[in-house]
Every structure is written in C-alpha cells, then in structure tokens.
Protein backbone atom coordinates (compact mmCIF):
# COMPACT_ATOMS: atom_id res chain seq x y z
CA MET A 1 23.51 -6.96 43.51
CA SER A 2 26.79 -7.99 41.66
CA GLU A 3 27.09 -7.76 38.03
CA THR A 4 26.99 -11.55 37.51
CA GLU A 5 23.61 -11.65 39.46
CA GLU A 6 22.20 -8.86 37.40
CA LYS A 7 22.77 -10.45 34.20
CA LYS A 8 21.12 -13.59 35.38
CA THR A 9 17.97 -11.69 36.19
CA GLY A 10 17.77 -9.84 32.89
CA PRO A 11 16.85 -11.28 29.31
CA ALA A 12 18.98 -14.15 28.00
CA VAL A 13 20.56 -13.13 24.72
CA PRO A 14 21.05 -16.40 22.67
CA GLU A 15 24.55 -17.32 21.57
CA THR A 16 23.37 -17.99 17.93
CA LEU A 17 21.20 -15.14 16.69
CA PRO A 18 18.55 -15.53 14.13
CA SER A 19 18.28 -13.42 11.07
CA ALA A 20 15.64 -10.60 10.72
CA ASN A 21 13.92 -12.66 8.26
CA ASP A 22 13.57 -15.56 10.57
CA LEU A 23 12.21 -13.33 13.42
CA ALA A 24 9.89 -11.63 10.83
CA MET A 25 8.58 -14.85 9.18
CA ARG A 26 7.96 -16.31 12.75
CA ALA A 27 5.76 -13.30 13.69
CA VAL A 28 3.94 -13.50 10.32
CA ASN A 29 3.19 -17.10 10.87
CA LEU A 30 2.06 -16.61 14.55
CA PHE A 31 -0.21 -13.71 12.94
CA LYS A 32 -1.80 -15.55 10.04
CA ASN A 33 -1.71 -18.94 11.11
CA ASP A 34 -2.08 -19.08 15.02
CA GLY A 35 -4.89 -16.45 15.45
CA MET A 36 -2.51 -13.72 17.15
CA ASP A 37 -3.33 -9.97 16.68
CA CYS A 38 -0.30 -8.12 15.13
CA GLU A 39 0.85 -6.66 18.36
CA THR A 40 1.05 -9.94 20.09
CA ALA A 41 2.69 -11.61 17.18
CA VAL A 42 5.52 -9.19 17.43
CA VAL A 43 5.91 -9.48 21.27
CA THR A 44 5.91 -13.10 21.37
CA VAL A 45 8.72 -13.57 18.98
CA PHE A 46 10.99 -11.46 21.17
CA ASP A 47 9.72 -12.96 24.15
CA GLU A 48 10.53 -16.48 22.98
CA LEU A 49 13.99 -15.19 21.58
CA PHE A 50 15.04 -13.32 24.98
CA GLN A 51 13.07 -15.44 27.47
CA THR A 52 11.19 -12.25 28.50
CA ARG A 53 7.61 -11.98 29.60
CA VAL A 54 6.71 -8.61 27.87
CA LEU A 55 3.51 -10.38 26.49
CA ASP A 56 2.17 -10.77 30.10
CA GLY A 57 1.39 -7.06 30.10
CA LEU A 58 -0.76 -7.31 26.80
CA GLU A 59 -4.56 -6.44 27.16
CA PRO A 60 -7.04 -8.30 25.00
CA ARG A 61 -6.94 -7.75 21.24
CA THR A 62 -10.04 -5.85 21.29
CA ARG A 63 -8.16 -2.92 22.96
CA ARG A 64 -7.79 -0.83 20.02
CA ILE A 65 -11.43 -0.91 18.46
CA GLY A 66 -13.04 2.42 18.15
CA LEU A 67 -10.12 4.40 19.32
CA GLY A 68 -10.16 6.78 16.18
CA PHE A 69 -8.25 7.53 13.07
CA GLN A 70 -4.78 7.96 14.50
CA THR A 71 -4.61 4.54 16.22
CA PRO A 72 -1.15 3.27 15.70
CA CYS A 73 -0.70 0.13 13.73
CA GLY A 74 -0.52 -2.90 16.33
CA ALA A 75 2.49 -4.18 14.91
CA LEU A 76 4.29 -0.96 15.77
CA LEU A 77 2.79 -0.94 19.10
CA GLY A 78 4.19 -4.57 19.69
CA ALA A 79 7.60 -3.29 18.68
CA ALA A 80 7.61 -0.08 20.87
CA ARG A 81 6.76 -2.59 23.88
CA VAL A 82 9.75 -4.58 23.25
CA VAL A 83 12.27 -1.64 22.94
CA VAL A 84 10.69 -0.24 26.19
CA ASN A 85 11.12 -3.28 28.08
CA LEU A 86 14.46 -4.37 26.76
CA LEU A 87 16.32 -1.07 26.22
CA GLY A 88 14.28 1.67 28.03
CA GLU A 89 16.49 2.08 30.95
CA LYS A 90 19.78 2.14 29.03
CA HIS A 91 18.53 3.95 25.79
CA ASP A 92 16.17 6.64 25.06
CA ALA A 93 13.32 4.33 24.15
CA ALA A 94 11.36 7.28 22.70
CA LEU A 95 14.09 7.90 20.03
CA LEU A 96 14.42 4.18 19.43
CA ARG A 97 10.81 3.86 18.66
CA GLN A 98 10.82 6.92 16.41
CA GLU A 99 13.62 5.30 14.46
CA ILE A 100 11.33 2.13 13.80
CA ASP A 101 8.39 4.29 13.05
CA ARG A 102 10.17 6.47 10.43
CA ALA A 103 11.54 3.02 8.68
CA PHE A 104 8.05 1.74 8.74
CA VAL A 105 6.52 4.97 7.42
CA ALA A 106 9.25 5.26 4.63
CA LYS A 107 8.20 1.87 3.59
CA HIS A 108 4.22 1.89 4.03
CA ARG A 109 3.56 5.69 3.92
CA SER A 110 1.73 5.70 7.53
CA ALA A 111 1.91 4.25 10.81
CA THR A 112 -2.04 4.14 11.50
CA CYS A 113 -4.01 1.28 11.47
CA GLN A 114 -6.83 2.74 9.70
CA TYR A 115 -4.88 4.31 6.97
CA LEU A 116 -2.89 0.97 6.32
CA THR A 117 -6.23 -0.98 6.30
CA ALA A 118 -8.72 1.37 4.65
CA HIS A 119 -9.48 -0.82 1.77
CA VAL A 120 -9.52 -4.15 3.77
CA LYS A 121 -12.70 -5.71 4.68
CA TRP A 122 -13.42 -6.39 8.47
CA GLY A 123 -12.16 -9.86 9.24
CA GLU A 124 -9.59 -9.90 6.51
CA HIS A 125 -6.63 -8.40 8.20
CA HIS A 126 -4.90 -11.70 8.67
CA VAL A 127 -4.53 -11.68 4.81
CA HIS A 128 -3.49 -8.34 4.42
CA CYS A 129 -1.21 -7.16 7.44
CA GLY A 130 1.35 -9.80 7.39
CA LYS A 131 3.61 -7.27 5.74
CA TYR A 132 3.24 -4.83 8.28
CA VAL A 133 4.08 -7.55 11.06
CA TYR A 134 7.21 -8.33 8.81
CA SER A 135 8.32 -4.75 8.66
CA ALA A 136 7.73 -3.93 12.33
CA VAL A 137 9.76 -7.18 13.29
CA GLU A 138 12.49 -6.15 10.69
CA ASN A 139 12.83 -2.63 11.90
CA LEU A 140 12.80 -3.73 15.49
CA TRP A 141 15.55 -6.16 14.84
CA ALA A 142 17.65 -3.20 13.02
CA VAL A 143 17.26 -1.28 16.46
CA LEU A 144 17.96 -4.09 18.91
CA GLU A 145 20.85 -6.30 17.24
CA PRO A 146 23.35 -3.51 17.49
CA ARG A 147 22.59 -2.89 21.18
CA LEU A 148 22.14 -6.61 22.46
CA GLY A 149 25.11 -6.02 24.72
CA ASP A 150 22.86 -3.42 26.65
CA ILE A 151 20.18 -6.08 27.08
C-alpha cells in the first residue's frame, strides 16, 4: 500500500484545529446534557474530530459497576482508548497514558472513580463529574496535538 493510500485509510486530521477548551466543553456538554457516560463523552469528541470509530468498541455504560475500589475514572479510560487507537502503533501508548494520568492526578489527587465521587450521591454524577471529563480531554489533547503528524 502506498503512503498516499495509507493516509486515506487513517484518521482525518482537520485543517483547522479546535482549542483544548472547545474540545473539553463539547465533551462536558455531551456528558451533562446528552446523557452520555464520561468515557463515551470523551471518545465521542475525538471520534467526531478525527472521523474515527473508536466509540464502536465501547461496552454499555454499566460495565464498571461493582468492579471495586481501584476502578479508574471513566473519563481517563476514554482518553486511554483514544490514545491507543490513534497513536498506539507509533508511540508507546502506555507512556502516553501515564502522562495523561499524572496530569489528572496532579489536579484531582486521584484517578479512581470511587475516590473522586466518594461524596456524590448515586445519580448525581452528571452534576459533579464534568470537571473530570474536562480535565481528561484537556490532558489528552496536550498529548495528541503535538503528535498529530503521526496520526
């Protein structure tokens, strides 16, 4: 396959790039107003931006219920899916995921859903967790934007 054919089959990088704030606010809106879970909201924003279909592989939103105390924040899981799908073959996706996670933990003190939502009543996550969705997208974009030539 020629390099031109390869680029046609990969994700499309738009000519005009949105800001991290625009992407993050889109994800927060999907999460708070459109009923998406945090992971799906993060992935959807990047599926729309790059015309990919990472979202097709997501399981139903009940996938994390009862998995124990160390369950990662769903927004970070979404960011990880995007990194692996867009950059995994050309970069060490595990290192990029760690970079995203470190920035998130530096801001929020944890990366686990149970810690972040310990004081939230069941069913009120859409009121509380928008800031985590925002941070995950912001940190993901900080990792992706300088590597867009590799997508």
